[in-house]
Protein backbone atom coordinates (compact mmCIF):
# COMPACT_ATOMS: atom_id res chain seq x y z
CA UNK A 1 97.37 237.39 91.83
CA UNK A 2 99.00 234.62 93.86
CA UNK A 3 97.56 232.28 96.08
CA UNK A 4 99.37 229.57 97.95
CA UNK A 5 100.11 227.87 101.09
CA UNK A 6 103.71 227.91 102.67
CA UNK A 7 104.88 225.03 104.59
CA UNK A 8 107.85 226.28 106.84
CA UNK A 9 109.48 222.94 108.23
CA UNK A 10 112.75 221.26 109.25
CA UNK A 11 112.82 217.38 108.27
CA UNK A 12 114.62 216.70 111.61
CA UNK A 13 112.08 218.56 113.74
CA UNK A 14 110.04 215.92 115.39
CA UNK A 15 106.75 217.92 115.63
CA UNK A 16 107.26 218.47 111.86
CA UNK A 17 107.20 214.37 111.51
CA UNK A 18 104.17 214.30 113.84
CA UNK A 19 102.57 217.07 111.54
CA UNK A 20 103.56 215.25 108.37
CA UNK A 21 99.90 213.40 107.78
CA UNK A 22 98.09 216.61 108.68
CA UNK A 23 99.84 218.93 106.22
CA UNK A 24 99.55 216.28 103.52
CA UNK A 25 95.81 216.48 104.06
CA UNK A 26 95.74 220.19 104.05
CA UNK A 27 97.60 220.46 101.05
CA UNK A 28 95.37 217.94 99.10
CA UNK A 29 92.28 220.11 100.44
CA UNK A 30 93.93 223.48 98.86
CA UNK A 31 94.60 221.59 95.63
CA UNK A 32 91.10 220.69 95.16
CA UNK A 33 90.54 224.66 95.16
CA UNK A 34 93.41 225.16 92.75
CA UNK A 35 95.89 226.37 95.40
CA UNK A 36 99.48 225.09 95.39
CA UNK A 37 101.87 224.51 98.03
CA UNK A 38 105.50 225.79 98.54
CA UNK A 39 108.02 224.02 100.84
CA UNK A 40 110.54 226.26 102.83
CA UNK A 41 113.29 224.88 105.12
CA UNK A 42 113.43 226.47 108.80
CA UNK A 43 116.69 225.55 109.89
CA UNK A 44 115.86 224.04 113.37
CA UNK A 45 119.48 223.60 114.74
CA UNK A 46 122.92 223.97 113.42
CA UNK A 47 125.36 222.00 115.60
CA UNK A 48 129.06 221.18 115.25
CA UNK A 49 129.37 218.96 118.35
CA UNK A 50 127.98 215.76 119.39
CA UNK A 51 124.77 215.78 121.71
CA UNK A 52 125.53 214.93 125.20
CA UNK A 53 123.41 212.30 127.32
CA UNK A 54 121.33 215.02 128.96
CA UNK A 55 120.61 216.37 125.36
CA UNK A 56 119.69 213.03 123.83
CA UNK A 57 117.29 212.24 126.96
CA UNK A 58 115.56 215.98 126.37
CA UNK A 59 115.18 215.08 122.67
CA UNK A 60 113.73 211.78 123.38
CA UNK A 61 111.19 213.30 125.54
CA UNK A 62 110.11 215.45 122.71
CA UNK A 63 109.59 212.32 120.49
CA UNK A 64 107.67 210.60 123.12
CA UNK A 65 105.26 213.85 123.12
CA UNK A 66 104.84 213.84 119.55
CA UNK A 67 104.14 210.24 119.39
CA UNK A 68 101.61 210.65 121.85
CA UNK A 69 99.88 213.87 120.15
CA UNK A 70 99.96 212.27 116.57
CA UNK A 71 100.58 208.65 116.64
CA UNK A 72 103.54 209.02 114.49
CA UNK A 73 106.10 206.12 114.63
CA UNK A 74 109.54 206.54 116.36
CA UNK A 75 112.43 204.39 116.99
CA UNK A 76 112.99 205.07 120.83
CA UNK A 77 115.83 202.60 121.22
CA UNK A 78 118.30 203.28 118.61
CA UNK A 79 117.11 206.86 117.20
CA UNK A 80 119.60 209.13 119.00
CA UNK A 81 122.91 207.28 119.31
CA UNK A 82 125.63 208.11 120.88
CA UNK A 83 127.79 210.87 118.84
CA UNK A 84 125.12 211.99 116.73
CA UNK A 85 125.77 215.61 115.81
CA UNK A 86 121.97 216.92 115.50
CA UNK A 87 122.96 219.58 112.47
CA UNK A 88 119.83 219.74 110.49
CA UNK A 89 121.32 222.04 107.69
CA UNK A 90 122.41 219.14 105.62
CA UNK A 91 118.74 217.74 105.48
CA UNK A 92 117.23 221.04 104.85
CA UNK A 93 119.86 221.66 102.11
CA UNK A 94 118.74 218.53 100.63
CA UNK A 95 115.12 219.62 100.18
CA UNK A 96 116.15 222.61 98.63
CA UNK A 97 118.40 220.94 96.04
CA UNK A 98 115.30 218.78 95.31
CA UNK A 99 113.17 221.79 95.07
CA UNK A 100 115.39 223.33 92.61
CA UNK A 101 115.32 220.25 90.41
CA UNK A 102 111.70 219.33 90.85
CA UNK A 103 109.29 220.94 93.61
CA UNK A 104 106.97 217.68 93.78
CA UNK A 105 109.72 215.61 94.53
CA UNK A 106 111.16 217.91 97.47
CA UNK A 107 107.80 217.04 99.31
CA UNK A 108 108.15 213.37 98.82
CA UNK A 109 111.81 213.38 99.83
CA UNK A 110 111.00 215.26 102.85
CA UNK A 111 108.53 212.21 103.95
CA UNK A 112 111.68 209.85 103.22
CA UNK A 113 114.18 211.92 105.26
CA UNK A 114 111.57 211.94 108.06
CA UNK A 115 111.08 208.33 108.31
CA UNK A 116 114.69 207.28 107.70
CA UNK A 117 115.64 209.52 110.73
CA UNK A 118 112.71 208.68 113.16
CA UNK A 119 111.71 204.89 112.10
CA UNK A 120 114.70 203.71 110.47
CA UNK A 121 117.52 205.21 112.83
CA UNK A 122 119.37 206.33 109.66
CA UNK A 123 121.89 209.42 110.19
CA UNK A 124 120.37 211.89 107.78
CA UNK A 125 123.01 214.48 108.55
CA UNK A 126 125.42 212.56 106.63
CA UNK A 127 125.63 213.49 102.54
CA UNK A 128 125.85 209.66 101.46
CA UNK A 129 122.37 209.00 103.12
CA UNK A 130 120.72 211.86 101.78
CA UNK A 131 122.06 211.07 98.30
CA UNK A 132 120.64 207.56 98.82
CA UNK A 133 117.29 208.96 99.68
CA UNK A 134 117.18 211.55 96.95
CA UNK A 135 117.87 208.50 94.32
CA UNK A 136 115.03 206.43 96.15
CA UNK A 137 112.60 209.39 94.90
CA UNK A 138 114.03 209.56 91.51
CA UNK A 139 116.65 212.11 91.63
CA UNK A 140 119.89 210.98 89.80
CA UNK A 141 122.55 210.59 92.31
CA UNK A 142 125.25 212.83 90.16
CA UNK A 143 122.74 215.42 89.42
CA UNK A 144 121.54 215.66 93.48
CA UNK A 145 125.26 215.43 94.62
CA UNK A 146 126.28 218.19 92.27
CA UNK A 147 123.23 220.29 93.20
CA UNK A 148 123.62 219.69 96.93
CA UNK A 149 127.19 220.94 97.13
CA UNK A 150 126.66 223.76 94.99
CA UNK A 151 127.16 227.50 96.28
CA UNK A 152 123.67 228.35 94.89
CA UNK A 153 121.90 225.86 96.69
CA UNK A 154 123.59 226.56 99.98
CA UNK A 155 122.95 230.19 99.62
CA UNK A 156 119.23 229.40 98.72
CA UNK A 157 119.16 227.34 102.03
CA UNK A 158 120.53 230.13 103.99
CA UNK A 159 118.00 232.42 102.38
CA UNK A 160 114.98 230.03 103.47
CA UNK A 161 116.22 230.22 107.09
CA UNK A 162 116.77 234.03 106.80
CA UNK A 163 113.30 234.27 105.29
CA UNK A 164 111.79 232.53 108.10
CA UNK A 165 113.54 234.23 110.80
CA UNK A 166 112.78 237.63 109.41
CA UNK A 167 109.14 236.75 109.80
CA UNK A 168 109.70 236.00 113.44
CA UNK A 169 109.08 232.24 112.64
CA UNK A 170 110.96 230.41 115.59
CA UNK A 171 108.98 227.05 115.92
CA UNK A 172 108.05 224.43 113.30
CA UNK A 173 105.99 223.55 111.93
CA UNK A 174 104.34 226.83 110.59
CA UNK A 175 101.87 226.90 107.98
CA UNK A 176 100.97 230.24 106.17
CA UNK A 177 98.48 230.86 103.51
CA UNK A 178 99.24 233.81 100.93
CA UNK A 179 96.77 235.71 98.85
CA UNK A 180 98.51 238.74 96.87
CA UNK A 181 101.49 239.09 99.05
CA UNK A 182 99.44 239.05 102.27
CA UNK A 183 100.26 236.22 104.60
CA UNK A 184 97.80 234.46 107.16
CA UNK A 185 98.95 232.16 109.95
CA UNK A 186 97.14 228.79 109.78
CA UNK A 187 99.62 227.25 112.55
CA UNK A 188 102.57 227.67 114.30
CA UNK A 189 103.09 224.37 116.10
CA UNK A 190 101.21 220.99 115.90
CA UNK A 191 97.58 221.26 115.44
CA UNK A 192 95.52 218.11 114.62
CA UNK A 193 93.69 217.87 111.14
CA UNK A 194 90.09 218.62 112.53
CA UNK A 195 91.29 221.90 114.10
CA UNK A 196 92.95 223.22 111.10
CA UNK A 197 90.90 221.66 108.09
CA UNK A 198 87.83 224.03 108.85
CA UNK A 199 90.26 226.90 109.41
CA UNK A 200 91.90 226.48 105.83
CA UNK A 201 88.52 225.72 104.38
CA UNK A 202 87.08 229.29 105.71
CA UNK A 203 90.45 230.88 104.17
CA UNK A 204 90.04 229.06 100.77
CA UNK A 205 86.39 230.14 100.50
CA UNK A 206 87.24 233.68 101.09
CA UNK A 207 90.59 233.79 98.81
CA UNK A 208 91.02 230.88 96.46
CA UNK A 209 88.66 232.57 93.72
CA UNK A 210 88.90 236.07 95.01
């Protein structure tokens, strides 16, 4: 008998940054009913070349939309520097590495990576930045670096991406609720808390103690 929330996200997905306060509240709401939450990384983009000007402008327009919908802060001036390779795999892999060491710290690290990227304009595609952020949440540098670079964590990251893809999840954030292997979709895409909290309450009422 298992009941849990599954949050499918990417730390470099701007709508996931917008959704961060909402999902924190929903996870707390579920926890009050004894229901835990697991973090799965979706793999938004795996790029090998730097963004061009048009790509940076397009992404900045997404950021403005997220800011207007959610109120979350962004550094619009310096957040998308020239030469940025928008590859989200390293940041996703950092969360999988943290999850393998301490599942709670993975949630904390996700928030830190998001804030570093969107507000502090740090290049979180770079392993040294991710090591610094992992250390900031309490994971020893050497331990994190070894785990981050390991083949099992690379494989586990790819497995997360494939799991989400096989479910047909192409957009983030996606929040699922699972009860005895049956998945229910709470949201695919950003929704405000006042929309989702009643939905979750009904699901919890039906399933948390079933």
